Amino acid sequence: MDSQAETEFSEFMLGRWPKLVRLGYGLTGDEGLAEDLAQTALAKAFASWPRVRRARRTRPGSTMTGRR
């Protein structure tokens, strides 16, 4: 992954981390598990980042789920 892609992913991750942890906490009621879930979700996004990146370029403003 090039440095621009790493920067984009870092921004993506930082922008979504709090919401993912809140969602995980709502699902589990445990802060540690919530952080584990967020980390797992972001690890999967990182592994697929080239594909996610292409989708974000073709549909600006879209999210991973396709909703705005």
C-alpha atoms as a PDB file:
ATOM      1  CA  MET A   1       0.000   0.000   0.000  1.00  0.00           C
ATOM      2  CA  ASP A   2       1.362   3.414  -0.901  1.00  0.00           C
ATOM      3  CA  SER A   3       1.698   6.272   1.578  1.00  0.00           C
ATOM      4  CA  GLN A   4      -1.346   8.099   0.202  1.00  0.00           C
ATOM      5  CA  ALA A   5      -3.497   4.999   0.688  1.00  0.00           C
ATOM      6  CA  GLU A   6      -2.144   4.605   4.228  1.00  0.00           C
ATOM      7  CA  THR A   7      -2.997   8.234   4.978  1.00  0.00           C
ATOM      8  CA  GLU A   8      -6.503   7.806   3.570  1.00  0.00           C
ATOM      9  CA  PHE A   9      -7.043   4.669   5.623  1.00  0.00           C
ATOM     10  CA  SER A  10      -5.776   6.365   8.786  1.00  0.00           C
ATOM     11  CA  GLU A  11      -8.251   9.207   8.270  1.00  0.00           C
ATOM     12  CA  PHE A  12     -11.030   6.698   7.552  1.00  0.00           C
ATOM     13  CA  MET A  13     -10.171   4.712  10.684  1.00  0.00           C
ATOM     14  CA  LEU A  14      -9.942   7.741  12.974  1.00  0.00           C
ATOM     15  CA  GLY A  15     -13.273   9.035  11.724  1.00  0.00           C
ATOM     16  CA  ARG A  16     -15.071   5.753  12.328  1.00  0.00           C
ATOM     17  CA  TRP A  17     -13.399   4.397  15.470  1.00  0.00           C
ATOM     18  CA  PRO A  18     -15.693   6.115  18.035  1.00  0.00           C
ATOM     19  CA  LYS A  19     -18.874   5.063  16.223  1.00  0.00           C
ATOM     20  CA  LEU A  20     -17.673   1.484  15.801  1.00  0.00           C
ATOM     21  CA  VAL A  21     -16.775   1.242  19.486  1.00  0.00           C
ATOM     22  CA  ARG A  22     -20.175   2.662  20.487  1.00  0.00           C
ATOM     23  CA  LEU A  23     -21.899   0.163  18.232  1.00  0.00           C
ATOM     24  CA  GLY A  24     -19.807  -2.670  19.647  1.00  0.00           C
ATOM     25  CA  TYR A  25     -20.609  -1.563  23.177  1.00  0.00           C
ATOM     26  CA  GLY A  26     -24.298  -1.467  22.358  1.00  0.00           C
ATOM     27  CA  LEU A  27     -24.067  -5.016  21.053  1.00  0.00           C
ATOM     28  CA  THR A  28     -21.939  -6.473  23.844  1.00  0.00           C
ATOM     29  CA  GLY A  29     -22.223  -4.204  26.873  1.00  0.00           C
ATOM     30  CA  ASP A  30     -18.449  -4.614  27.330  1.00  0.00           C
ATOM     31  CA  GLU A  31     -15.946  -1.898  26.415  1.00  0.00           C
ATOM     32  CA  GLY A  32     -13.078  -4.323  25.797  1.00  0.00           C
ATOM     33  CA  LEU A  33     -15.156  -6.487  23.482  1.00  0.00           C
ATOM     34  CA  ALA A  34     -16.452  -3.366  21.756  1.00  0.00           C
ATOM     35  CA  GLU A  35     -12.899  -2.280  20.987  1.00  0.00           C
ATOM     36  CA  ASP A  36     -12.058  -5.791  19.761  1.00  0.00           C
ATOM     37  CA  LEU A  37     -15.034  -5.701  17.396  1.00  0.00           C
ATOM     38  CA  ALA A  38     -14.041  -2.268  16.081  1.00  0.00           C
ATOM     39  CA  GLN A  39     -10.471  -3.416  15.573  1.00  0.00           C
ATOM     40  CA  THR A  40     -11.608  -6.543  13.714  1.00  0.00           C
ATOM     41  CA  ALA A  41     -13.900  -4.523  11.456  1.00  0.00           C
ATOM     42  CA  LEU A  42     -11.126  -2.064  10.641  1.00  0.00           C
ATOM     43  CA  ALA A  43      -8.614  -4.868  10.036  1.00  0.00           C
ATOM     44  CA  LYS A  44     -10.997  -6.325   7.467  1.00  0.00           C
ATOM     45  CA  ALA A  45     -11.460  -2.892   5.900  1.00  0.00           C
ATOM     46  CA  PHE A  46      -7.665  -2.481   5.759  1.00  0.00           C
ATOM     47  CA  ALA A  47      -7.276  -5.832   4.010  1.00  0.00           C
ATOM     48  CA  SER A  48      -9.836  -4.710   1.426  1.00  0.00           C
ATOM     49  CA  TRP A  49      -8.716  -1.076   1.291  1.00  0.00           C
ATOM     50  CA  PRO A  50      -7.796  -1.000  -2.420  1.00  0.00           C
ATOM     51  CA  ARG A  51     -11.345  -2.117  -3.286  1.00  0.00           C
ATOM     52  CA  VAL A  52     -12.928   0.239  -0.729  1.00  0.00           C
ATOM     53  CA  ARG A  53     -10.757   3.062  -2.031  1.00  0.00           C
ATOM     54  CA  ARG A  54     -11.902   2.463  -5.626  1.00  0.00           C
ATOM     55  CA  ALA A  55     -15.544   2.423  -4.523  1.00  0.00           C
ATOM     56  CA  ARG A  56     -15.115   5.687  -2.613  1.00  0.00           C
ATOM     57  CA  ARG A  57     -13.604   7.311  -5.719  1.00  0.00           C
ATOM     58  CA  THR A  58     -16.436   6.230  -8.000  1.00  0.00           C
ATOM     59  CA  ARG A  59     -19.113   7.184  -5.469  1.00  0.00           C
ATOM     60  CA  PRO A  60     -17.857  10.180  -3.462  1.00  0.00           C
ATOM     61  CA  GLY A  61     -19.547  10.469  -0.096  1.00  0.00           C
ATOM     62  CA  SER A  62     -20.497   6.815  -0.011  1.00  0.00           C
ATOM     63  CA  THR A  63     -19.723   4.632   2.964  1.00  0.00           C
ATOM     64  CA  MET A  64     -18.716   1.004   3.100  1.00  0.00           C
ATOM     65  CA  THR A  65     -22.387   0.044   3.351  1.00  0.00           C
ATOM     66  CA  GLY A  66     -23.314   2.149   0.343  1.00  0.00           C
ATOM     67  CA  ARG A  67     -25.450   4.524   2.408  1.00  0.00           C
ATOM     68  CA  ARG A  68     -24.792   8.203   2.928  1.00  0.00           C
END
